[in-house]
Full PDB file with SEQRES, HELIX, SHEET, SSBOND, CRYST1, ORIGX, SCALE, CONECT and MASTER records, all heavy atoms in Angstrom:
SEQRES   1 A   30  TYR ASP LEU GLN TYR ALA ILE TYR THR VAL ALA LEU VAL          
SEQRES   2 A   30  ARG LEU LEU ARG ALA ARG LEU GLY PRO ASP TYR ASP TYR          
SEQRES   3 A   30  ASP SER HIS VAL                                              
HELIX    1 AA1 ASP A    2  LEU A   20  1                                  19    
HELIX    2 AA2 GLY A   21  ASP A   23  5                                   3    
HELIX    3 AA3 TYR A   26  HIS A   29  1                                   4    
CRYST1    1.000    1.000    1.000  90.00  90.00  90.00 P 1           1          
ORIGX1      1.000000  0.000000  0.000000        0.00000                         
ORIGX2      0.000000  1.000000  0.000000        0.00000                         
ORIGX3      0.000000  0.000000  1.000000        0.00000                         
SCALE1      1.000000  0.000000  0.000000        0.00000                         
SCALE2      0.000000  1.000000  0.000000        0.00000                         
SCALE3      0.000000  0.000000  1.000000        0.00000                         
ATOM      1  N   TYR A   1       0.881  -1.222  -0.065  1.00  0.00           N  
ATOM      2  CA  TYR A   1       0.032  -0.083  -0.076  1.00  0.00           C  
ATOM      3  C   TYR A   1       0.932   1.253  -0.032  1.00  0.00           C  
ATOM      4  O   TYR A   1       0.396   2.251  -0.261  1.00  0.00           O  
ATOM      5  CB  TYR A   1      -0.917   0.022   1.154  1.00  0.00           C  
ATOM      6  CG  TYR A   1      -1.957  -1.102   1.189  1.00  0.00           C  
ATOM      7  CD1 TYR A   1      -2.457  -1.603   2.426  1.00  0.00           C  
ATOM      8  CD2 TYR A   1      -2.541  -1.646  -0.002  1.00  0.00           C  
ATOM      9  CE1 TYR A   1      -3.502  -2.492   2.394  1.00  0.00           C  
ATOM     10  CE2 TYR A   1      -3.517  -2.488   0.002  1.00  0.00           C  
ATOM     11  CZ  TYR A   1      -3.969  -3.089   1.259  1.00  0.00           C  
ATOM     12  OH  TYR A   1      -4.902  -4.043   1.202  1.00  0.00           O  
ATOM     13  N   ASP A   2       2.208   1.027   0.334  1.00  0.00           N  
ATOM     14  CA  ASP A   2       3.186   2.271   0.423  1.00  0.00           C  
ATOM     15  C   ASP A   2       3.198   2.717  -1.155  1.00  0.00           C  
ATOM     16  O   ASP A   2       3.288   3.918  -1.404  1.00  0.00           O  
ATOM     17  CB  ASP A   2       4.391   1.984   0.981  1.00  0.00           C  
ATOM     18  CG  ASP A   2       5.039   0.628   0.407  1.00  0.00           C  
ATOM     19  OD1 ASP A   2       4.344  -0.206  -0.143  1.00  0.00           O  
ATOM     20  OD2 ASP A   2       6.149   0.512   0.688  1.00  0.00           O  
ATOM     21  N   LEU A   3       3.348   1.871  -2.028  1.00  0.00           N  
ATOM     22  CA  LEU A   3       3.332   2.195  -3.418  1.00  0.00           C  
ATOM     23  C   LEU A   3       2.000   2.811  -3.896  1.00  0.00           C  
ATOM     24  O   LEU A   3       1.967   3.793  -4.588  1.00  0.00           O  
ATOM     25  CB  LEU A   3       3.750   0.978  -4.323  1.00  0.00           C  
ATOM     26  CG  LEU A   3       3.768   1.148  -5.845  1.00  0.00           C  
ATOM     27  CD1 LEU A   3       4.805   2.326  -6.215  1.00  0.00           C  
ATOM     28  CD2 LEU A   3       4.127  -0.104  -6.539  1.00  0.00           C  
ATOM     29  N   GLN A   4       0.868   2.234  -3.469  1.00  0.00           N  
ATOM     30  CA  GLN A   4      -0.392   2.634  -3.807  1.00  0.00           C  
ATOM     31  C   GLN A   4      -0.485   4.086  -3.289  1.00  0.00           C  
ATOM     32  O   GLN A   4      -0.955   4.969  -4.054  1.00  0.00           O  
ATOM     33  CB  GLN A   4      -1.430   1.789  -3.176  1.00  0.00           C  
ATOM     34  CG  GLN A   4      -2.868   2.236  -3.543  1.00  0.00           C  
ATOM     35  CD  GLN A   4      -3.789   1.287  -2.856  1.00  0.00           C  
ATOM     36  OE1 GLN A   4      -3.843   1.142  -1.524  1.00  0.00           O  
ATOM     37  NE2 GLN A   4      -4.790   0.741  -3.592  1.00  0.00           N  
ATOM     38  N   TYR A   5      -0.257   4.417  -2.024  1.00  0.00           N  
ATOM     39  CA  TYR A   5      -0.481   5.705  -1.601  1.00  0.00           C  
ATOM     40  C   TYR A   5       0.458   6.715  -2.165  1.00  0.00           C  
ATOM     41  O   TYR A   5       0.120   7.997  -2.322  1.00  0.00           O  
ATOM     42  CB  TYR A   5      -0.526   5.855  -0.088  1.00  0.00           C  
ATOM     43  CG  TYR A   5       0.719   5.629   0.773  1.00  0.00           C  
ATOM     44  CD1 TYR A   5       1.849   6.537   0.588  1.00  0.00           C  
ATOM     45  CD2 TYR A   5       0.822   4.586   1.661  1.00  0.00           C  
ATOM     46  CE1 TYR A   5       2.886   6.282   1.430  1.00  0.00           C  
ATOM     47  CE2 TYR A   5       1.938   4.332   2.420  1.00  0.00           C  
ATOM     48  CZ  TYR A   5       3.008   5.240   2.319  1.00  0.00           C  
ATOM     49  OH  TYR A   5       4.124   5.127   3.159  1.00  0.00           O  
ATOM     50  N   ALA A   6       1.596   6.354  -2.531  1.00  0.00           N  
ATOM     51  CA  ALA A   6       2.585   7.272  -3.294  1.00  0.00           C  
ATOM     52  C   ALA A   6       1.911   7.579  -4.612  1.00  0.00           C  
ATOM     53  O   ALA A   6       1.987   8.832  -4.894  1.00  0.00           O  
ATOM     54  CB  ALA A   6       3.961   6.557  -3.521  1.00  0.00           C  
ATOM     55  N   ILE A   7       1.427   6.674  -5.361  1.00  0.00           N  
ATOM     56  CA  ILE A   7       0.820   6.974  -6.671  1.00  0.00           C  
ATOM     57  C   ILE A   7      -0.391   7.834  -6.385  1.00  0.00           C  
ATOM     58  O   ILE A   7      -0.665   8.800  -7.273  1.00  0.00           O  
ATOM     59  CB  ILE A   7       0.474   5.652  -7.423  1.00  0.00           C  
ATOM     60  CG1 ILE A   7       1.650   4.952  -7.802  1.00  0.00           C  
ATOM     61  CG2 ILE A   7      -0.480   5.903  -8.641  1.00  0.00           C  
ATOM     62  CD1 ILE A   7       1.465   3.531  -8.243  1.00  0.00           C  
ATOM     63  N   TYR A   8      -1.275   7.538  -5.388  1.00  0.00           N  
ATOM     64  CA  TYR A   8      -2.441   8.333  -5.101  1.00  0.00           C  
ATOM     65  C   TYR A   8      -2.005   9.867  -4.819  1.00  0.00           C  
ATOM     66  O   TYR A   8      -2.742  10.698  -5.230  1.00  0.00           O  
ATOM     67  CB  TYR A   8      -3.162   7.886  -3.999  1.00  0.00           C  
ATOM     68  CG  TYR A   8      -3.975   6.521  -4.182  1.00  0.00           C  
ATOM     69  CD1 TYR A   8      -4.612   5.865  -3.149  1.00  0.00           C  
ATOM     70  CD2 TYR A   8      -4.055   5.961  -5.552  1.00  0.00           C  
ATOM     71  CE1 TYR A   8      -5.387   4.732  -3.361  1.00  0.00           C  
ATOM     72  CE2 TYR A   8      -4.819   4.815  -5.727  1.00  0.00           C  
ATOM     73  CZ  TYR A   8      -5.409   4.202  -4.536  1.00  0.00           C  
ATOM     74  OH  TYR A   8      -6.149   3.106  -4.910  1.00  0.00           O  
ATOM     75  N   THR A   9      -0.875   9.949  -4.149  1.00  0.00           N  
ATOM     76  CA  THR A   9      -0.449  11.210  -3.757  1.00  0.00           C  
ATOM     77  C   THR A   9      -0.074  11.998  -4.973  1.00  0.00           C  
ATOM     78  O   THR A   9      -0.264  13.330  -5.018  1.00  0.00           O  
ATOM     79  CB  THR A   9       0.682  11.156  -2.577  1.00  0.00           C  
ATOM     80  OG1 THR A   9       0.189  10.476  -1.534  1.00  0.00           O  
ATOM     81  CG2 THR A   9       1.174  12.634  -2.244  1.00  0.00           C  
ATOM     82  N   VAL A  10       0.629  11.456  -5.912  1.00  0.00           N  
ATOM     83  CA  VAL A  10       1.069  12.021  -7.135  1.00  0.00           C  
ATOM     84  C   VAL A  10      -0.259  12.542  -7.917  1.00  0.00           C  
ATOM     85  O   VAL A  10      -0.320  13.714  -8.422  1.00  0.00           O  
ATOM     86  CB  VAL A  10       1.876  11.065  -8.077  1.00  0.00           C  
ATOM     87  CG1 VAL A  10       2.134  11.721  -9.476  1.00  0.00           C  
ATOM     88  CG2 VAL A  10       3.232  10.741  -7.452  1.00  0.00           C  
ATOM     89  N   ALA A  11      -1.256  11.700  -7.846  1.00  0.00           N  
ATOM     90  CA  ALA A  11      -2.494  12.048  -8.590  1.00  0.00           C  
ATOM     91  C   ALA A  11      -3.061  13.372  -7.847  1.00  0.00           C  
ATOM     92  O   ALA A  11      -3.560  14.322  -8.555  1.00  0.00           O  
ATOM     93  CB  ALA A  11      -3.507  10.897  -8.584  1.00  0.00           C  
ATOM     94  N   LEU A  12      -3.056  13.357  -6.555  1.00  0.00           N  
ATOM     95  CA  LEU A  12      -3.592  14.474  -5.830  1.00  0.00           C  
ATOM     96  C   LEU A  12      -2.816  15.775  -5.996  1.00  0.00           C  
ATOM     97  O   LEU A  12      -3.350  16.830  -6.314  1.00  0.00           O  
ATOM     98  CB  LEU A  12      -3.455  14.217  -4.271  1.00  0.00           C  
ATOM     99  CG  LEU A  12      -3.887  15.313  -3.339  1.00  0.00           C  
ATOM    100  CD1 LEU A  12      -5.270  15.734  -3.510  1.00  0.00           C  
ATOM    101  CD2 LEU A  12      -3.752  14.943  -1.838  1.00  0.00           C  
ATOM    102  N   VAL A  13      -1.485  15.655  -6.110  1.00  0.00           N  
ATOM    103  CA  VAL A  13      -0.594  16.769  -6.431  1.00  0.00           C  
ATOM    104  C   VAL A  13      -0.865  17.298  -7.758  1.00  0.00           C  
ATOM    105  O   VAL A  13      -1.012  18.594  -8.020  1.00  0.00           O  
ATOM    106  CB  VAL A  13       0.916  16.370  -6.310  1.00  0.00           C  
ATOM    107  CG1 VAL A  13       1.816  17.289  -7.025  1.00  0.00           C  
ATOM    108  CG2 VAL A  13       1.279  16.240  -4.820  1.00  0.00           C  
ATOM    109  N   ARG A  14      -1.077  16.425  -8.685  1.00  0.00           N  
ATOM    110  CA  ARG A  14      -1.421  16.949 -10.094  1.00  0.00           C  
ATOM    111  C   ARG A  14      -2.780  17.628 -10.107  1.00  0.00           C  
ATOM    112  O   ARG A  14      -2.825  18.729 -10.815  1.00  0.00           O  
ATOM    113  CB  ARG A  14      -1.319  15.701 -11.159  1.00  0.00           C  
ATOM    114  CG  ARG A  14       0.053  15.265 -11.329  1.00  0.00           C  
ATOM    115  CD  ARG A  14       0.088  14.133 -12.327  1.00  0.00           C  
ATOM    116  NE  ARG A  14       1.423  13.751 -12.671  1.00  0.00           N  
ATOM    117  CZ  ARG A  14       1.782  13.032 -13.695  1.00  0.00           C  
ATOM    118  NH1 ARG A  14       0.794  12.557 -14.487  1.00  0.00           N  
ATOM    119  NH2 ARG A  14       2.937  12.770 -14.044  1.00  0.00           N  
ATOM    120  N   LEU A  15      -3.703  17.118  -9.446  1.00  0.00           N  
ATOM    121  CA  LEU A  15      -5.041  17.803  -9.376  1.00  0.00           C  
ATOM    122  C   LEU A  15      -4.865  19.246  -8.611  1.00  0.00           C  
ATOM    123  O   LEU A  15      -5.419  20.177  -9.187  1.00  0.00           O  
ATOM    124  CB  LEU A  15      -6.006  16.971  -8.531  1.00  0.00           C  
ATOM    125  CG  LEU A  15      -7.376  17.553  -8.242  1.00  0.00           C  
ATOM    126  CD1 LEU A  15      -8.146  17.704  -9.612  1.00  0.00           C  
ATOM    127  CD2 LEU A  15      -8.157  16.793  -7.307  1.00  0.00           C  
ATOM    128  N   LEU A  16      -4.132  19.243  -7.623  1.00  0.00           N  
ATOM    129  CA  LEU A  16      -3.996  20.502  -6.832  1.00  0.00           C  
ATOM    130  C   LEU A  16      -3.200  21.610  -7.719  1.00  0.00           C  
ATOM    131  O   LEU A  16      -3.545  22.789  -7.642  1.00  0.00           O  
ATOM    132  CB  LEU A  16      -3.281  20.303  -5.538  1.00  0.00           C  
ATOM    133  CG  LEU A  16      -4.039  19.566  -4.412  1.00  0.00           C  
ATOM    134  CD1 LEU A  16      -3.254  19.364  -3.219  1.00  0.00           C  
ATOM    135  CD2 LEU A  16      -5.332  20.331  -4.173  1.00  0.00           C  
ATOM    136  N   ARG A  17      -2.207  21.056  -8.482  1.00  0.00           N  
ATOM    137  CA  ARG A  17      -1.480  21.946  -9.285  1.00  0.00           C  
ATOM    138  C   ARG A  17      -2.367  22.583 -10.371  1.00  0.00           C  
ATOM    139  O   ARG A  17      -2.316  23.841 -10.645  1.00  0.00           O  
ATOM    140  CB  ARG A  17      -0.282  21.259  -9.999  1.00  0.00           C  
ATOM    141  CG  ARG A  17       1.037  21.612  -9.411  1.00  0.00           C  
ATOM    142  CD  ARG A  17       2.152  21.244 -10.331  1.00  0.00           C  
ATOM    143  NE  ARG A  17       2.823  20.233  -9.697  1.00  0.00           N  
ATOM    144  CZ  ARG A  17       3.134  18.947 -10.174  1.00  0.00           C  
ATOM    145  NH1 ARG A  17       2.683  18.485 -11.193  1.00  0.00           N  
ATOM    146  NH2 ARG A  17       3.839  18.170  -9.398  1.00  0.00           N  
ATOM    147  N   ALA A  18      -3.217  21.754 -10.876  1.00  0.00           N  
ATOM    148  CA  ALA A  18      -4.220  22.230 -11.969  1.00  0.00           C  
ATOM    149  C   ALA A  18      -5.180  23.169 -11.378  1.00  0.00           C  
ATOM    150  O   ALA A  18      -5.558  24.106 -12.025  1.00  0.00           O  
ATOM    151  CB  ALA A  18      -4.911  21.007 -12.622  1.00  0.00           C  
ATOM    152  N   ARG A  19      -5.749  22.907 -10.219  1.00  0.00           N  
ATOM    153  CA  ARG A  19      -6.766  23.673  -9.610  1.00  0.00           C  
ATOM    154  C   ARG A  19      -6.129  24.956  -8.888  1.00  0.00           C  
ATOM    155  O   ARG A  19      -6.834  25.967  -9.017  1.00  0.00           O  
ATOM    156  CB  ARG A  19      -7.507  22.905  -8.530  1.00  0.00           C  
ATOM    157  CG  ARG A  19      -8.295  21.771  -9.138  1.00  0.00           C  
ATOM    158  CD  ARG A  19      -9.670  22.082  -9.460  1.00  0.00           C  
ATOM    159  NE  ARG A  19     -10.359  21.053 -10.272  1.00  0.00           N  
ATOM    160  CZ  ARG A  19     -11.284  20.151  -9.572  1.00  0.00           C  
ATOM    161  NH1 ARG A  19     -11.434  20.225  -8.385  1.00  0.00           N  
ATOM    162  NH2 ARG A  19     -11.763  19.304 -10.356  1.00  0.00           N  
ATOM    163  N   LEU A  20      -5.091  24.903  -8.261  1.00  0.00           N  
ATOM    164  CA  LEU A  20      -4.589  25.994  -7.503  1.00  0.00           C  
ATOM    165  C   LEU A  20      -3.564  26.833  -8.217  1.00  0.00           C  
ATOM    166  O   LEU A  20      -3.228  27.980  -7.848  1.00  0.00           O  
ATOM    167  CB  LEU A  20      -3.936  25.556  -6.116  1.00  0.00           C  
ATOM    168  CG  LEU A  20      -4.812  24.768  -5.170  1.00  0.00           C  
ATOM    169  CD1 LEU A  20      -4.080  24.209  -4.102  1.00  0.00           C  
ATOM    170  CD2 LEU A  20      -6.095  25.663  -4.833  1.00  0.00           C  
ATOM    171  N   GLY A  21      -3.025  26.314  -9.296  1.00  0.00           N  
ATOM    172  CA  GLY A  21      -2.023  26.932 -10.161  1.00  0.00           C  
ATOM    173  C   GLY A  21      -0.750  27.340  -9.355  1.00  0.00           C  
ATOM    174  O   GLY A  21      -0.235  26.523  -8.611  1.00  0.00           O  
ATOM    175  N   PRO A  22      -0.253  28.468  -9.616  1.00  0.00           N  
ATOM    176  CA  PRO A  22       0.973  28.999  -8.917  1.00  0.00           C  
ATOM    177  C   PRO A  22       0.977  29.063  -7.451  1.00  0.00           C  
ATOM    178  O   PRO A  22       2.010  29.107  -6.721  1.00  0.00           O  
ATOM    179  CB  PRO A  22       1.292  30.272  -9.633  1.00  0.00           C  
ATOM    180  CG  PRO A  22       0.022  30.814 -10.143  1.00  0.00           C  
ATOM    181  CD  PRO A  22      -0.729  29.519 -10.476  1.00  0.00           C  
ATOM    182  N   ASP A  23      -0.302  29.064  -6.788  1.00  0.00           N  
ATOM    183  CA  ASP A  23      -0.330  29.059  -5.326  1.00  0.00           C  
ATOM    184  C   ASP A  23      -0.213  27.692  -4.824  1.00  0.00           C  
ATOM    185  O   ASP A  23      -0.022  27.654  -3.537  1.00  0.00           O  
ATOM    186  CB  ASP A  23      -1.748  29.557  -4.934  1.00  0.00           C  
ATOM    187  CG  ASP A  23      -2.124  30.989  -5.317  1.00  0.00           C  
ATOM    188  OD1 ASP A  23      -1.058  31.838  -5.479  1.00  0.00           O  
ATOM    189  OD2 ASP A  23      -3.211  31.411  -5.521  1.00  0.00           O  
ATOM    190  N   TYR A  24      -0.129  26.580  -5.606  1.00  0.00           N  
ATOM    191  CA  TYR A  24       0.050  25.329  -4.943  1.00  0.00           C  
ATOM    192  C   TYR A  24       1.455  25.188  -4.284  1.00  0.00           C  
ATOM    193  O   TYR A  24       2.484  25.523  -4.904  1.00  0.00           O  
ATOM    194  CB  TYR A  24      -0.119  24.199  -5.951  1.00  0.00           C  
ATOM    195  CG  TYR A  24       0.495  22.931  -5.693  1.00  0.00           C  
ATOM    196  CD1 TYR A  24      -0.146  22.086  -4.709  1.00  0.00           C  
ATOM    197  CD2 TYR A  24       1.683  22.536  -6.030  1.00  0.00           C  
ATOM    198  CE1 TYR A  24       0.391  20.893  -4.221  1.00  0.00           C  
ATOM    199  CE2 TYR A  24       2.269  21.301  -5.617  1.00  0.00           C  
ATOM    200  CZ  TYR A  24       1.723  20.615  -4.772  1.00  0.00           C  
ATOM    201  OH  TYR A  24       2.155  19.323  -4.184  1.00  0.00           O  
ATOM    202  N   ASP A  25       1.534  24.490  -3.196  1.00  0.00           N  
ATOM    203  CA  ASP A  25       2.753  24.224  -2.462  1.00  0.00           C  
ATOM    204  C   ASP A  25       2.497  22.863  -1.746  1.00  0.00           C  
ATOM    205  O   ASP A  25       1.648  22.768  -0.819  1.00  0.00           O  
ATOM    206  CB  ASP A  25       3.143  25.384  -1.477  1.00  0.00           C  
ATOM    207  CG  ASP A  25       4.381  24.926  -0.683  1.00  0.00           C  
ATOM    208  OD1 ASP A  25       5.442  24.858  -1.351  1.00  0.00           O  
ATOM    209  OD2 ASP A  25       4.218  24.716   0.510  1.00  0.00           O  
ATOM    210  N   TYR A  26       3.329  21.953  -1.900  1.00  0.00           N  
ATOM    211  CA  TYR A  26       3.259  20.613  -1.408  1.00  0.00           C  
ATOM    212  C   TYR A  26       3.136  20.696   0.236  1.00  0.00           C  
ATOM    213  O   TYR A  26       2.268  20.096   0.826  1.00  0.00           O  
ATOM    214  CB  TYR A  26       4.374  19.725  -1.784  1.00  0.00           C  
ATOM    215  CG  TYR A  26       4.173  18.251  -1.218  1.00  0.00           C  
ATOM    216  CD1 TYR A  26       3.452  17.351  -1.873  1.00  0.00           C  
ATOM    217  CD2 TYR A  26       4.865  17.851  -0.020  1.00  0.00           C  
ATOM    218  CE1 TYR A  26       3.368  16.009  -1.400  1.00  0.00           C  
ATOM    219  CE2 TYR A  26       4.701  16.689   0.462  1.00  0.00           C  
ATOM    220  CZ  TYR A  26       3.965  15.647  -0.146  1.00  0.00           C  
ATOM    221  OH  TYR A  26       3.730  14.367   0.278  1.00  0.00           O  
ATOM    222  N   ASP A  27       4.078  21.506   0.741  1.00  0.00           N  
ATOM    223  CA  ASP A  27       4.223  21.564   2.224  1.00  0.00           C  
ATOM    224  C   ASP A  27       2.906  22.156   2.876  1.00  0.00           C  
ATOM    225  O   ASP A  27       2.628  21.896   3.942  1.00  0.00           O  
ATOM    226  CB  ASP A  27       5.456  22.219   2.586  1.00  0.00           C  
ATOM    227  CG  ASP A  27       6.675  21.497   2.225  1.00  0.00           C  
ATOM    228  OD1 ASP A  27       6.660  20.186   2.267  1.00  0.00           O  
ATOM    229  OD2 ASP A  27       7.649  22.121   1.793  1.00  0.00           O  
ATOM    230  N   SER A  28       2.387  23.125   2.085  1.00  0.00           N  
ATOM    231  CA  SER A  28       1.227  23.829   2.574  1.00  0.00           C  
ATOM    232  C   SER A  28      -0.161  23.068   2.426  1.00  0.00           C  
ATOM    233  O   SER A  28      -1.020  23.165   3.201  1.00  0.00           O  
ATOM    234  CB  SER A  28       1.091  25.278   2.005  1.00  0.00           C  
ATOM    235  OG  SER A  28       2.208  26.011   2.315  1.00  0.00           O  
ATOM    236  N   HIS A  29      -0.168  22.437   1.301  1.00  0.00           N  
ATOM    237  CA  HIS A  29      -1.564  21.858   0.814  1.00  0.00           C  
ATOM    238  C   HIS A  29      -1.729  20.363   1.032  1.00  0.00           C  
ATOM    239  O   HIS A  29      -2.883  19.948   1.083  1.00  0.00           O  
ATOM    240  CB  HIS A  29      -1.747  22.289  -0.620  1.00  0.00           C  
ATOM    241  CG  HIS A  29      -1.879  23.762  -0.871  1.00  0.00           C  
ATOM    242  ND1 HIS A  29      -0.996  24.477  -1.402  1.00  0.00           N  
ATOM    243  CD2 HIS A  29      -2.911  24.482  -0.541  1.00  0.00           C  
ATOM    244  CE1 HIS A  29      -1.328  25.753  -1.455  1.00  0.00           C  
ATOM    245  NE2 HIS A  29      -2.481  25.802  -0.821  1.00  0.00           N  
ATOM    246  N   VAL A  30      -0.687  19.588   1.098  1.00  0.00           N  
ATOM    247  CA  VAL A  30      -0.739  18.112   1.139  1.00  0.00           C  
ATOM    248  C   VAL A  30      -0.737  17.720   2.573  1.00  0.00           C  
ATOM    249  O   VAL A  30       0.468  17.816   3.227  1.00  0.00           O  
ATOM    250  CB  VAL A  30       0.192  17.366   0.220  1.00  0.00           C  
ATOM    251  CG1 VAL A  30       0.053  15.916   0.361  1.00  0.00           C  
ATOM    252  CG2 VAL A  30      -0.091  17.901  -1.270  1.00  0.00           C  
TER     253      VAL A  30                                                      
MASTER        0    0    0    3    0    0    0    6  252    1    0    3          
END                                                                             
């Protein structure tokens, strides 16, 4: 599941980057 959650997190990051644009920051948002 460690591999699974890493992939899910990449998907979340891509979604946040698309939605939040330049305001996205991993440390602040994830």
